[in-house]
Amino acid sequence: MAKNMQPYLKRCATLGISPAVMGISKQTNRRPGPQRRSKKSEYALQLTEKQKVKFIYGVLEKQFHSYYLKAARMKGNTGDELMSLLERRLDNVVFRLGLASTRREARQLVNHGHFTVNGKRVNIPSYLVKLDDVVAVRDKSRSSVKFKKMVEEDKFVAAPKWLEKSKNAPLEGKVVAIPGRDDLDFDVSVNLIVELYSK
């Protein structure tokens, strides 16, 4: 399986992403050097937006392109559908529910089979959740040090409005709506990605 091993902070600085979007509280240590004032070409802007989204969700080119093709076949706006598909990935849902500190950690936890969707164990990070799906930490995994500590610390992580965290079960959440572009936790010009692929 191909892995995206790009260094977080360096890529964040290059793509102009806040490390907080990646679940990291550190700031980049880059010293402000002489800035180039050269204007980016249209293609460079489109490519940067695509690279930014790929990096945030930890998706490689082949998979990202297949998401685009799937979004293009859907009835709604291609850009909005693309972002909705990426947001509905199980690893992203786990991160957005606050059950992992980064998407990369969420992917690893899903791979190791720590989560269930509607009571069934799922170990595929790219699994797409649907409306009314319940994502929860597996019963066997709840006794692990990581999840025990999470319950004890009871750190509140605000979930987006399309996800509902269970008040009675802190290691559980439900999909109450299909995510839209307004639900993203970062700025992206999706139209530039669509333009890039539609050439």
C-alpha atoms as a PDB file:
ATOM      1  CA  MET A   1       0.000   0.000   0.000  1.00  0.00           C
ATOM      2  CA  ALA A   2       1.355   3.415  -0.985  1.00  0.00           C
ATOM      3  CA  LYS A   3       1.912   5.854   1.859  1.00  0.00           C
ATOM      4  CA  ASN A   4       2.073   9.615   1.838  1.00  0.00           C
ATOM      5  CA  MET A   5       5.161  10.353   3.963  1.00  0.00           C
ATOM      6  CA  GLN A   6       5.455  14.081   3.240  1.00  0.00           C
ATOM      7  CA  PRO A   7       6.639  16.155   6.243  1.00  0.00           C
ATOM      8  CA  TYR A   8       3.638  17.949   7.726  1.00  0.00           C
ATOM      9  CA  LEU A   9       4.966  21.373   8.684  1.00  0.00           C
ATOM     10  CA  LYS A  10       7.106  21.862   5.590  1.00  0.00           C
ATOM     11  CA  ARG A  11       4.192  21.009   3.289  1.00  0.00           C
ATOM     12  CA  CYS A  12       1.826  23.217   5.319  1.00  0.00           C
ATOM     13  CA  ALA A  13       4.161  26.175   4.821  1.00  0.00           C
ATOM     14  CA  THR A  14       4.571  25.462   1.091  1.00  0.00           C
ATOM     15  CA  LEU A  15       0.832  25.072   0.438  1.00  0.00           C
ATOM     16  CA  GLY A  16      -0.241  27.878   2.779  1.00  0.00           C
ATOM     17  CA  ILE A  17      -2.217  25.626   5.132  1.00  0.00           C
ATOM     18  CA  SER A  18      -2.560  26.244   8.852  1.00  0.00           C
ATOM     19  CA  PRO A  19      -1.075  23.288  10.792  1.00  0.00           C
ATOM     20  CA  ALA A  20      -4.263  23.351  12.916  1.00  0.00           C
ATOM     21  CA  VAL A  21      -6.191  21.994   9.887  1.00  0.00           C
ATOM     22  CA  MET A  22      -3.912  18.949  10.053  1.00  0.00           C
ATOM     23  CA  GLY A  23      -4.528  18.582  13.789  1.00  0.00           C
ATOM     24  CA  ILE A  24      -1.100  19.966  14.744  1.00  0.00           C
ATOM     25  CA  SER A  25      -0.683  22.777  17.256  1.00  0.00           C
ATOM     26  CA  LYS A  26       2.930  23.567  16.276  1.00  0.00           C
ATOM     27  CA  GLN A  27       3.784  26.504  14.065  1.00  0.00           C
ATOM     28  CA  THR A  28       6.269  26.370  11.229  1.00  0.00           C
ATOM     29  CA  ASN A  29       9.751  27.597  12.133  1.00  0.00           C
ATOM     30  CA  ARG A  30      10.468  29.054   8.713  1.00  0.00           C
ATOM     31  CA  ARG A  31      12.123  32.423   8.815  1.00  0.00           C
ATOM     32  CA  PRO A  32      10.563  34.936   6.474  1.00  0.00           C
ATOM     33  CA  GLY A  33      13.114  35.260   3.697  1.00  0.00           C
ATOM     34  CA  PRO A  34      12.975  37.313   0.510  1.00  0.00           C
ATOM     35  CA  GLN A  35       9.588  36.648  -1.079  1.00  0.00           C
ATOM     36  CA  ARG A  36       9.258  36.164  -4.802  1.00  0.00           C
ATOM     37  CA  ARG A  37       6.681  38.476  -6.269  1.00  0.00           C
ATOM     38  CA  SER A  38       6.274  36.568  -9.523  1.00  0.00           C
ATOM     39  CA  LYS A  39       2.651  35.980 -10.423  1.00  0.00           C
ATOM     40  CA  LYS A  40       1.560  32.346 -10.486  1.00  0.00           C
ATOM     41  CA  SER A  41       0.200  30.984 -13.732  1.00  0.00           C
ATOM     42  CA  GLU A  42      -3.370  29.687 -13.884  1.00  0.00           C
ATOM     43  CA  TYR A  43      -2.064  26.126 -14.075  1.00  0.00           C
ATOM     44  CA  ALA A  44       0.173  26.664 -11.007  1.00  0.00           C
ATOM     45  CA  LEU A  45      -2.817  27.936  -8.999  1.00  0.00           C
ATOM     46  CA  GLN A  46      -4.928  24.939 -10.054  1.00  0.00           C
ATOM     47  CA  LEU A  47      -2.143  22.489  -9.234  1.00  0.00           C
ATOM     48  CA  THR A  48      -1.521  24.076  -5.819  1.00  0.00           C
ATOM     49  CA  GLU A  49      -5.211  23.752  -4.869  1.00  0.00           C
ATOM     50  CA  LYS A  50      -5.221  20.095  -5.916  1.00  0.00           C
ATOM     51  CA  GLN A  51      -2.014  19.367  -3.975  1.00  0.00           C
ATOM     52  CA  LYS A  52      -3.424  21.148  -0.919  1.00  0.00           C
ATOM     53  CA  VAL A  53      -6.587  19.000  -0.835  1.00  0.00           C
ATOM     54  CA  LYS A  54      -4.648  15.788  -1.545  1.00  0.00           C
ATOM     55  CA  PHE A  55      -2.240  16.569   1.292  1.00  0.00           C
ATOM     56  CA  ILE A  56      -4.940  17.465   3.819  1.00  0.00           C
ATOM     57  CA  TYR A  57      -6.870  14.224   3.255  1.00  0.00           C
ATOM     58  CA  GLY A  58      -3.740  12.107   2.728  1.00  0.00           C
ATOM     59  CA  VAL A  59      -4.920  10.873  -0.668  1.00  0.00           C
ATOM     60  CA  LEU A  60      -2.557  10.003  -3.515  1.00  0.00           C
ATOM     61  CA  GLU A  61      -3.104  10.989  -7.159  1.00  0.00           C
ATOM     62  CA  LYS A  62      -4.728   7.784  -8.458  1.00  0.00           C
ATOM     63  CA  GLN A  63      -7.329   7.674  -5.699  1.00  0.00           C
ATOM     64  CA  PHE A  64      -7.946  11.429  -5.866  1.00  0.00           C
ATOM     65  CA  HIS A  65      -8.584  11.210  -9.611  1.00  0.00           C
ATOM     66  CA  SER A  66     -11.058   8.358  -9.087  1.00  0.00           C
ATOM     67  CA  TYR A  67     -12.907  10.562  -6.540  1.00  0.00           C
ATOM     68  CA  TYR A  68     -13.054  13.319  -9.165  1.00  0.00           C
ATOM     69  CA  LEU A  69     -14.479  10.936 -11.805  1.00  0.00           C
ATOM     70  CA  LYS A  70     -17.078   9.693  -9.313  1.00  0.00           C
ATOM     71  CA  ALA A  71     -18.022  13.293  -8.412  1.00  0.00           C
ATOM     72  CA  ALA A  72     -18.309  14.214 -12.118  1.00  0.00           C
ATOM     73  CA  ARG A  73     -20.871  11.423 -12.605  1.00  0.00           C
ATOM     74  CA  MET A  74     -23.016  12.659  -9.707  1.00  0.00           C
ATOM     75  CA  LYS A  75     -25.945  15.025 -10.246  1.00  0.00           C
ATOM     76  CA  GLY A  76     -24.773  18.017  -8.188  1.00  0.00           C
ATOM     77  CA  ASN A  77     -21.908  20.472  -8.600  1.00  0.00           C
ATOM     78  CA  THR A  78     -18.732  18.445  -9.310  1.00  0.00           C
ATOM     79  CA  GLY A  79     -16.532  20.450  -6.921  1.00  0.00           C
ATOM     80  CA  ASP A  80     -19.020  20.224  -4.043  1.00  0.00           C
ATOM     81  CA  GLU A  81     -19.554  16.495  -4.633  1.00  0.00           C
ATOM     82  CA  LEU A  82     -15.778  15.922  -4.675  1.00  0.00           C
ATOM     83  CA  MET A  83     -15.314  17.610  -1.311  1.00  0.00           C
ATOM     84  CA  SER A  84     -18.323  15.758   0.105  1.00  0.00           C
ATOM     85  CA  LEU A  85     -16.802  12.411  -0.921  1.00  0.00           C
ATOM     86  CA  LEU A  86     -13.494  13.312   0.738  1.00  0.00           C
ATOM     87  CA  GLU A  87     -15.204  14.506   3.933  1.00  0.00           C
ATOM     88  CA  ARG A  88     -17.196  11.255   4.156  1.00  0.00           C
ATOM     89  CA  ARG A  89     -14.065   9.081   4.246  1.00  0.00           C
ATOM     90  CA  LEU A  90     -14.028   7.059   7.467  1.00  0.00           C
ATOM     91  CA  ASP A  91     -10.556   8.263   8.488  1.00  0.00           C
ATOM     92  CA  ASN A  92     -11.712  11.883   8.122  1.00  0.00           C
ATOM     93  CA  VAL A  93     -14.910  11.196  10.109  1.00  0.00           C
ATOM     94  CA  VAL A  94     -12.845   9.664  12.938  1.00  0.00           C
ATOM     95  CA  PHE A  95     -10.607  12.771  12.954  1.00  0.00           C
ATOM     96  CA  ARG A  96     -13.546  15.208  12.809  1.00  0.00           C
ATOM     97  CA  LEU A  97     -15.250  13.428  15.733  1.00  0.00           C
ATOM     98  CA  GLY A  98     -12.088  14.013  17.793  1.00  0.00           C
ATOM     99  CA  LEU A  99     -11.298  10.288  18.107  1.00  0.00           C
ATOM    100  CA  ALA A 100      -7.812  10.896  16.633  1.00  0.00           C
ATOM    101  CA  SER A 101      -5.540  13.932  16.810  1.00  0.00           C
ATOM    102  CA  THR A 102      -4.656  13.923  13.081  1.00  0.00           C
ATOM    103  CA  ARG A 103      -6.059  12.372   9.917  1.00  0.00           C
ATOM    104  CA  ARG A 104      -2.859  10.341   9.612  1.00  0.00           C
ATOM    105  CA  GLU A 105      -3.409   8.881  13.097  1.00  0.00           C
ATOM    106  CA  ALA A 106      -7.088   8.267  12.257  1.00  0.00           C
ATOM    107  CA  ARG A 107      -6.041   6.327   9.143  1.00  0.00           C
ATOM    108  CA  GLN A 108      -3.729   4.137  11.204  1.00  0.00           C
ATOM    109  CA  LEU A 109      -6.391   3.473  13.858  1.00  0.00           C
ATOM    110  CA  VAL A 110      -8.941   2.527  11.173  1.00  0.00           C
ATOM    111  CA  ASN A 111      -6.365   0.255   9.495  1.00  0.00           C
ATOM    112  CA  HIS A 112      -5.847  -1.535  12.819  1.00  0.00           C
ATOM    113  CA  GLY A 113      -9.589  -2.222  13.059  1.00  0.00           C
ATOM    114  CA  HIS A 114     -10.434  -0.040  16.073  1.00  0.00           C
ATOM    115  CA  PHE A 115     -13.720   1.277  14.619  1.00  0.00           C
ATOM    116  CA  THR A 116     -17.142  -0.004  13.675  1.00  0.00           C
ATOM    117  CA  VAL A 117     -19.761   1.442  11.344  1.00  0.00           C
ATOM    118  CA  ASN A 118     -23.291   0.443  12.382  1.00  0.00           C
ATOM    119  CA  GLY A 119     -21.815  -2.263  14.621  1.00  0.00           C
ATOM    120  CA  LYS A 120     -19.675  -3.840  11.886  1.00  0.00           C
ATOM    121  CA  ARG A 121     -15.892  -3.634  12.082  1.00  0.00           C
ATOM    122  CA  VAL A 122     -14.418  -1.587   9.218  1.00  0.00           C
ATOM    123  CA  ASN A 123     -10.663  -1.342   8.591  1.00  0.00           C
ATOM    124  CA  ILE A 124     -10.733   0.576   5.293  1.00  0.00           C
ATOM    125  CA  PRO A 125      -9.841   4.289   5.747  1.00  0.00           C
ATOM    126  CA  SER A 126     -11.459   5.227   2.406  1.00  0.00           C
ATOM    127  CA  TYR A 127     -14.808   3.662   3.396  1.00  0.00           C
ATOM    128  CA  LEU A 128     -17.528   6.238   2.649  1.00  0.00           C
ATOM    129  CA  VAL A 129     -20.003   6.783   5.446  1.00  0.00           C
ATOM    130  CA  LYS A 130     -23.659   7.389   4.601  1.00  0.00           C
ATOM    131  CA  LEU A 131     -26.509   9.298   6.220  1.00  0.00           C
ATOM    132  CA  ASP A 132     -27.512   7.827   9.628  1.00  0.00           C
ATOM    133  CA  ASP A 133     -24.328   5.710   9.893  1.00  0.00           C
ATOM    134  CA  VAL A 134     -23.038   5.351  13.456  1.00  0.00           C
ATOM    135  CA  VAL A 135     -19.245   5.369  13.813  1.00  0.00           C
ATOM    136  CA  ALA A 136     -17.933   4.038  17.129  1.00  0.00           C
ATOM    137  CA  VAL A 137     -14.798   2.710  18.769  1.00  0.00           C
ATOM    138  CA  ARG A 138     -14.920  -1.090  18.810  1.00  0.00           C
ATOM    139  CA  ASP A 139     -15.798  -2.640  22.202  1.00  0.00           C
ATOM    140  CA  LYS A 140     -12.475  -4.517  22.391  1.00  0.00           C
ATOM    141  CA  SER A 141     -10.541  -1.309  21.671  1.00  0.00           C
ATOM    142  CA  ARG A 142     -12.254   0.765  24.380  1.00  0.00           C
ATOM    143  CA  SER A 143     -10.055  -0.829  27.049  1.00  0.00           C
ATOM    144  CA  SER A 144      -6.855   0.308  25.275  1.00  0.00           C
ATOM    145  CA  VAL A 145      -4.742   3.010  26.959  1.00  0.00           C
ATOM    146  CA  LYS A 146      -5.402   5.543  24.181  1.00  0.00           C
ATOM    147  CA  PHE A 147      -9.200   5.421  24.327  1.00  0.00           C
ATOM    148  CA  LYS A 148      -9.347   5.081  28.130  1.00  0.00           C
ATOM    149  CA  LYS A 149      -7.254   8.248  28.420  1.00  0.00           C
ATOM    150  CA  MET A 150      -9.545   9.984  25.907  1.00  0.00           C
ATOM    151  CA  VAL A 151     -12.620   9.224  28.043  1.00  0.00           C
ATOM    152  CA  GLU A 152     -10.853  10.248  31.276  1.00  0.00           C
ATOM    153  CA  GLU A 153      -9.591  13.555  29.873  1.00  0.00           C
ATOM    154  CA  ASP A 154     -12.972  14.219  28.236  1.00  0.00           C
ATOM    155  CA  LYS A 155     -11.532  16.891  25.940  1.00  0.00           C
ATOM    156  CA  PHE A 156     -14.340  18.578  24.023  1.00  0.00           C
ATOM    157  CA  VAL A 157     -13.775  18.629  20.281  1.00  0.00           C
ATOM    158  CA  ALA A 158     -16.433  20.503  18.334  1.00  0.00           C
ATOM    159  CA  ALA A 159     -17.698  18.229  15.592  1.00  0.00           C
ATOM    160  CA  PRO A 160     -18.998  19.759  12.344  1.00  0.00           C
ATOM    161  CA  LYS A 161     -22.781  20.151  12.079  1.00  0.00           C
ATOM    162  CA  TRP A 162     -23.117  17.118   9.790  1.00  0.00           C
ATOM    163  CA  LEU A 163     -21.791  14.874  12.575  1.00  0.00           C
ATOM    164  CA  GLU A 164     -23.413  14.383  15.965  1.00  0.00           C
ATOM    165  CA  LYS A 165     -21.321  13.250  18.924  1.00  0.00           C
ATOM    166  CA  SER A 166     -23.112  10.997  21.370  1.00  0.00           C
ATOM    167  CA  LYS A 167     -23.410  12.629  24.812  1.00  0.00           C
ATOM    168  CA  ASN A 168     -23.885   9.322  26.604  1.00  0.00           C
ATOM    169  CA  ALA A 169     -21.196   7.436  24.643  1.00  0.00           C
ATOM    170  CA  PRO A 170     -18.127   9.690  24.154  1.00  0.00           C
ATOM    171  CA  LEU A 171     -16.465   7.256  21.726  1.00  0.00           C
ATOM    172  CA  GLU A 172     -19.309   7.350  19.243  1.00  0.00           C
ATOM    173  CA  GLY A 173     -20.809   9.643  16.608  1.00  0.00           C
ATOM    174  CA  LYS A 174     -23.540   9.687  13.982  1.00  0.00           C
ATOM    175  CA  VAL A 175     -23.760  11.078  10.450  1.00  0.00           C
ATOM    176  CA  VAL A 176     -26.815  13.363  10.574  1.00  0.00           C
ATOM    177  CA  ALA A 177     -26.359  15.091   7.189  1.00  0.00           C
ATOM    178  CA  ILE A 178     -24.310  14.893   4.004  1.00  0.00           C
ATOM    179  CA  PRO A 179     -21.403  17.369   4.288  1.00  0.00           C
ATOM    180  CA  GLY A 180     -21.329  20.416   2.037  1.00  0.00           C
ATOM    181  CA  ARG A 181     -18.604  22.892   1.149  1.00  0.00           C
ATOM    182  CA  ASP A 182     -19.591  25.082   4.144  1.00  0.00           C
ATOM    183  CA  ASP A 183     -18.612  22.229   6.473  1.00  0.00           C
ATOM    184  CA  LEU A 184     -14.927  22.266   5.473  1.00  0.00           C
ATOM    185  CA  ASP A 185     -12.426  23.404   8.105  1.00  0.00           C
ATOM    186  CA  PHE A 186     -10.127  25.048   5.535  1.00  0.00           C
ATOM    187  CA  ASP A 187     -10.396  27.358   2.515  1.00  0.00           C
ATOM    188  CA  VAL A 188     -10.191  25.780  -0.934  1.00  0.00           C
ATOM    189  CA  SER A 189     -11.043  26.937  -4.462  1.00  0.00           C
ATOM    190  CA  VAL A 190     -12.603  23.682  -5.682  1.00  0.00           C
ATOM    191  CA  ASN A 191     -13.450  25.236  -9.042  1.00  0.00           C
ATOM    192  CA  LEU A 192      -9.706  25.402  -9.824  1.00  0.00           C
ATOM    193  CA  ILE A 193      -9.395  21.633  -9.270  1.00  0.00           C
ATOM    194  CA  VAL A 194     -12.392  20.980 -11.517  1.00  0.00           C
ATOM    195  CA  GLU A 195     -10.887  23.250 -14.197  1.00  0.00           C
ATOM    196  CA  LEU A 196      -7.578  21.368 -13.956  1.00  0.00           C
ATOM    197  CA  TYR A 197      -9.171  17.968 -14.474  1.00  0.00           C
ATOM    198  CA  SER A 198     -11.625  19.099 -17.162  1.00  0.00           C
ATOM    199  CA  LYS A 199      -8.875  20.245 -19.541  1.00  0.00           C
END
